[in-house]
Each structure stands twice: as C-alpha cells, then as structure tokens.
Protein backbone atom coordinates (compact mmCIF):
# COMPACT_ATOMS: atom_id res chain seq x y z
CA MET A 1 9.42 -1.00 23.55
CA VAL A 2 10.31 -4.88 22.93
CA ALA A 3 6.65 -5.66 22.32
CA LYS A 4 5.36 -2.40 20.17
CA ILE A 5 8.96 -3.34 18.06
CA ILE A 6 8.22 -6.87 17.46
CA LYS A 7 4.27 -5.81 16.64
CA VAL A 8 5.82 -3.70 13.86
CA LEU A 9 7.81 -5.32 12.37
CA VAL A 10 5.31 -8.27 12.47
CA GLY A 11 3.33 -6.33 10.75
CA LEU A 12 5.47 -4.89 8.18
CA VAL A 13 6.67 -8.44 7.09
CA LEU A 14 2.82 -8.50 6.70
CA ILE A 15 1.61 -5.93 4.76
CA VAL A 16 5.15 -6.47 2.18
CA LEU A 17 3.14 -10.52 2.51
CA GLY A 18 0.19 -9.00 0.79
CA ALA A 19 1.73 -6.99 -1.87
CA TRP A 20 4.25 -9.27 -2.83
CA SER A 21 1.21 -11.69 -3.52
CA VAL A 22 -1.27 -8.67 -4.19
CA TYR A 23 1.44 -7.66 -7.75
CA LEU A 24 2.61 -11.70 -8.07
CA PHE A 25 -1.56 -12.86 -8.55
CA TRP A 26 -2.17 -9.65 -10.64
CA GLY A 27 -3.85 -10.90 -13.20
CA ASP A 28 -6.15 -13.29 -11.32
CA LEU A 29 -7.08 -10.13 -8.92
CA LEU A 30 -8.26 -8.16 -12.07
CA THR A 31 -10.38 -11.33 -13.38
CA LEU A 32 -12.24 -11.66 -9.33
CA VAL A 33 -12.44 -7.74 -9.22
CA ARG A 34 -14.68 -7.74 -13.04
CA GLY A 35 -16.54 -11.39 -11.71
CA GLY A 36 -17.50 -9.67 -9.01
CA LEU A 37 -17.93 -6.10 -9.96
CA GLY A 38 -21.70 -7.87 -11.69
CA LEU A 39 -22.59 -8.84 -7.67
CA VAL A 40 -21.83 -5.51 -6.92
CA LEU A 41 -24.12 -3.17 -8.75
CA ILE A 42 -26.30 -6.41 -8.71
CA LEU A 43 -27.13 -5.60 -5.13
CA ALA A 44 -26.76 -1.93 -5.46
CA GLY A 45 -29.33 -1.68 -7.85
CA LEU A 46 -31.46 -3.63 -5.47
CA ILE A 47 -29.81 -1.60 -1.80
CA ALA A 48 -31.42 1.44 -4.66
CA PHE A 49 -35.69 -0.46 -5.32
CA ALA A 50 -35.21 -0.46 -1.44
CA LEU A 51 -35.01 2.85 -0.87
CA VAL A 52 -36.85 4.05 -2.73
CA ALA A 53 -39.50 2.02 -1.39
CA ASP A 54 -39.96 2.85 1.84
C-alpha cells in the first residue's frame, strides 16, 4: 500500500515538473515544433509515395 502511494506521489511530481518546464520553455517548444513540422511533412510525403508504389 505504501509503495502505491509513493508511486502516485512520484508520478504527480513528475507531471507537475513537466508542466512547469513546458510553461517556462513555451517559446522554445514552439520553435522546435515549427522546425520539425517540415520534416514531418516530408516524411508523410515519402510514406504516401511508398504506399502508392505497392
């Protein structure tokens, strides 16, 4: 029972720390998402070509 409570507390602490870091680095996160968007679109296009080739 104590182990479950500790696991839940650790989980809650990690969630809070993660949310706090997203809040602090929101601008950097948006830059990362914008930068990766092109790569994701290229990969999606390559997958579409691969599906058509079959």
